[in-house]
């Protein structure tokens, strides 16, 4: 299950989302 997707430019947002423990599933960082 994918919790949320982020572009590489939004990596800081992805990290904050991970630290907030709101996700259920994987966090995807798109590199393209």
C-alpha atoms as a PDB file:
ATOM      1  CA  UNK A   1       0.000   0.000   0.000  1.00  0.00           C
ATOM      2  CA  UNK A   2       1.287   3.468  -0.894  1.00  0.00           C
ATOM      3  CA  UNK A   3       0.651   6.188   1.682  1.00  0.00           C
ATOM      4  CA  UNK A   4       1.830   9.168  -0.382  1.00  0.00           C
ATOM      5  CA  UNK A   5       4.058  10.097  -3.306  1.00  0.00           C
ATOM      6  CA  UNK A   6       6.506  12.988  -3.444  1.00  0.00           C
ATOM      7  CA  UNK A   7       8.720  14.350  -6.195  1.00  0.00           C
ATOM      8  CA  UNK A   8      12.445  14.511  -5.504  1.00  0.00           C
ATOM      9  CA  UNK A   9      12.152  18.294  -5.171  1.00  0.00           C
ATOM     10  CA  UNK A  10       9.779  17.771  -2.229  1.00  0.00           C
ATOM     11  CA  UNK A  11      12.076  15.396  -0.318  1.00  0.00           C
ATOM     12  CA  UNK A  12      11.976  17.640   2.785  1.00  0.00           C
ATOM     13  CA  UNK A  13       8.163  17.384   2.809  1.00  0.00           C
ATOM     14  CA  UNK A  14       8.433  13.606   2.477  1.00  0.00           C
ATOM     15  CA  UNK A  15      10.796  13.463   5.446  1.00  0.00           C
ATOM     16  CA  UNK A  16       8.466  15.596   7.587  1.00  0.00           C
ATOM     17  CA  UNK A  17       5.525  13.369   6.601  1.00  0.00           C
ATOM     18  CA  UNK A  18       7.503  10.273   7.623  1.00  0.00           C
ATOM     19  CA  UNK A  19       8.477  11.804  10.980  1.00  0.00           C
ATOM     20  CA  UNK A  20       4.853  12.758  11.716  1.00  0.00           C
ATOM     21  CA  UNK A  21       3.875   9.048  11.790  1.00  0.00           C
ATOM     22  CA  UNK A  22       0.693   9.786   9.789  1.00  0.00           C
ATOM     23  CA  UNK A  23       1.412   7.259   7.065  1.00  0.00           C
ATOM     24  CA  UNK A  24       0.030   3.783   6.680  1.00  0.00           C
ATOM     25  CA  UNK A  25       2.060   2.184   3.932  1.00  0.00           C
ATOM     26  CA  UNK A  26       5.074   3.223   1.919  1.00  0.00           C
ATOM     27  CA  UNK A  27       6.255   6.705   1.044  1.00  0.00           C
ATOM     28  CA  UNK A  28       7.314   6.969  -2.595  1.00  0.00           C
ATOM     29  CA  UNK A  29       9.862   9.511  -3.843  1.00  0.00           C
ATOM     30  CA  UNK A  30       9.720   9.940  -7.622  1.00  0.00           C
ATOM     31  CA  UNK A  31      13.053  10.702  -9.258  1.00  0.00           C
ATOM     32  CA  UNK A  32      11.708  11.520 -12.728  1.00  0.00           C
END
